[in-house]
Protein backbone atom coordinates (compact mmCIF):
# COMPACT_ATOMS: atom_id res chain seq x y z
CA MET A 1 0.00 0.00 0.00
CA ILE A 2 1.25 3.47 -0.86
CA GLU A 3 2.33 5.61 2.07
CA GLN A 4 -0.25 8.34 2.58
CA THR A 5 2.03 11.35 2.98
CA PRO A 6 0.40 14.79 3.09
CA ALA A 7 1.42 15.36 -0.55
CA VAL A 8 -0.10 12.04 -1.66
CA LYS A 9 -3.30 12.76 0.28
CA GLU A 10 -3.56 16.18 -1.35
CA TYR A 11 -2.98 14.69 -4.80
CA VAL A 12 -5.64 12.02 -4.25
CA GLU A 13 -8.12 14.64 -2.99
CA ASN A 14 -7.44 16.86 -6.01
CA LEU A 15 -7.75 13.87 -8.33
CA GLN A 16 -11.06 12.85 -6.75
CA PHE A 17 -12.36 16.43 -7.09
CA SER A 18 -11.31 16.59 -10.73
CA ILE A 19 -12.99 13.23 -11.42
CA GLU A 20 -16.17 14.54 -9.80
CA GLN A 21 -16.11 17.71 -11.92
CA ASN A 22 -15.42 15.75 -15.09
CA ASN A 23 -18.26 13.36 -14.30
CA LYS A 24 -20.59 16.37 -13.97
CA HIS A 25 -19.45 17.64 -17.36
CA VAL A 26 -20.11 14.24 -18.95
CA ALA A 27 -23.57 14.11 -17.33
CA LYS A 28 -24.39 17.55 -18.75
CA PHE A 29 -23.14 16.48 -22.16
CA THR A 30 -25.34 13.38 -21.99
CA SER A 31 -28.31 15.60 -21.21
CA ASP A 32 -27.37 17.93 -24.07
CA VAL A 33 -27.19 14.96 -26.47
CA GLU A 34 -30.69 13.91 -25.43
CA LYS A 35 -32.00 17.44 -26.10
CA ASP A 36 -30.23 18.13 -29.39
CA PRO A 37 -27.84 15.42 -30.57
CA TYR A 38 -26.65 17.28 -33.64
CA GLU A 39 -25.74 20.45 -31.75
CA ALA A 40 -24.14 18.58 -28.84
CA MET A 41 -22.01 16.42 -31.11
CA SER A 42 -21.03 19.39 -33.27
CA TRP A 43 -19.22 20.88 -30.28
CA SER A 44 -18.11 17.67 -28.58
CA LYS A 45 -14.32 17.78 -29.01
CA GLY A 46 -13.80 19.23 -25.53
CA THR A 47 -16.09 16.64 -24.01
CA LEU A 48 -14.26 13.83 -25.78
CA GLU A 49 -11.05 15.15 -24.26
CA ILE A 50 -12.63 15.27 -20.81
CA ILE A 51 -13.94 11.71 -21.18
CA ALA A 52 -10.46 10.44 -22.11
CA THR A 53 -8.85 12.44 -19.30
CA LEU A 54 -11.43 11.01 -16.90
CA GLN A 55 -10.48 7.48 -17.99
CA ALA A 56 -6.81 8.17 -17.21
CA GLN A 57 -7.68 9.82 -13.89
CA LYS A 58 -9.81 6.89 -12.78
CA HIS A 59 -7.09 4.41 -13.72
CA VAL A 60 -4.43 6.34 -11.80
CA LEU A 61 -6.73 6.62 -8.77
CA LEU A 62 -7.38 2.87 -8.95
CA MET A 63 -3.61 2.24 -8.96
CA LEU A 64 -3.13 4.59 -6.00
CA GLU A 65 -5.76 2.69 -4.04
CA SER A 66 -4.49 -0.75 -5.08
CA ASP A 67 -2.67 -3.02 -2.69
CA GLU A 68 -0.45 -4.08 -5.60
CA MET A 69 1.17 -0.67 -5.92
CA ALA A 70 3.80 -0.35 -3.22
CA SER A 71 4.94 3.18 -3.98
CA ILE A 72 4.28 6.35 -5.91
CA GLN A 73 7.38 5.45 -7.92
CA LYS A 74 5.73 2.22 -9.07
CA VAL A 75 2.58 4.09 -10.15
CA TYR A 76 4.76 6.66 -11.93
CA ASP A 77 6.73 3.93 -13.71
CA THR A 78 3.51 2.18 -14.81
CA VAL A 79 2.02 5.39 -16.21
CA LEU A 80 5.33 6.34 -17.85
CA ARG A 81 5.48 2.98 -19.65
CA ARG A 82 1.92 3.53 -20.87
CA VAL A 83 2.65 7.04 -22.18
CA VAL A 84 5.85 5.96 -23.90
CA ALA A 85 4.18 2.93 -25.50
CA ASP A 86 1.24 5.04 -26.71
CA ALA A 87 3.63 7.61 -28.19
CA LYS A 88 5.83 4.96 -29.75
CA TYR A 89 2.93 2.95 -31.18
CA PRO A 90 0.14 5.44 -31.93
CA GLU A 91 -3.36 4.33 -32.83
CA HIS A 92 -3.90 3.79 -36.55
CA SER A 93 -7.57 2.95 -36.63
CA SER A 94 -9.75 3.70 -39.63
CA SER A 95 -11.94 5.60 -37.16
CA PRO A 96 -10.83 9.22 -36.73
CA ILE A 97 -12.72 9.47 -33.44
CA SER A 98 -10.96 6.38 -32.06
CA ASN A 99 -7.58 7.88 -32.98
CA LEU A 100 -8.52 11.19 -31.38
CA MET A 101 -9.70 9.50 -28.19
CA LYS A 102 -6.41 7.59 -27.95
CA GLN A 103 -4.50 10.85 -28.32
CA PHE A 104 -6.61 12.46 -25.62
CA LEU A 105 -6.14 9.42 -23.37
CA THR A 106 -2.37 9.58 -23.78
CA ALA A 107 -2.50 13.30 -22.97
CA GLY A 108 -4.57 12.53 -19.86
CA TYR A 109 -1.99 10.00 -18.66
CA SER A 110 0.78 12.45 -19.48
CA GLN A 111 -0.87 15.08 -17.30
CA GLN A 112 -1.04 12.64 -14.38
CA LEU A 113 2.57 11.70 -15.04
CA GLU A 114 3.62 15.29 -14.31
CA TYR A 115 1.83 15.25 -10.95
CA LEU A 116 3.25 11.84 -10.07
CA LYS A 117 6.74 12.99 -11.01
CA GLY A 118 6.46 15.79 -8.47
CA LEU A 119 5.36 13.32 -5.81
CA CYS A 120 8.30 11.05 -6.62
CA TYR A 121 10.78 13.90 -6.24
CA ASN A 122 9.17 15.00 -2.97
CA ALA A 123 9.42 11.44 -1.64
CA ASN A 124 13.21 11.36 -2.13
């Protein structure tokens, strides 16, 4: 289990808050799609980015809460491997939306990587 230092606790709280806010945005988008699908989808790029970011945030939070992750460094290393692999082997689907979502997902993991990097340096 990861040591719950004040910095880790603050990061987890901020991550949980961001997940909550992003979930609210997705719920509003869902409502907007029900009201006017064409209009909602016409301006959905930002929401797609939030959905992908949310996926990365939830995965990182799951790792932080997992008994398998012994340290922030291990979470950082796992996310780093994911970001490097996604950059090295980008999505080449025939679906433009699938490719875009993968790019947004990689960006979401990359953002968490920056936060985790700071925690790793503070731990040493």
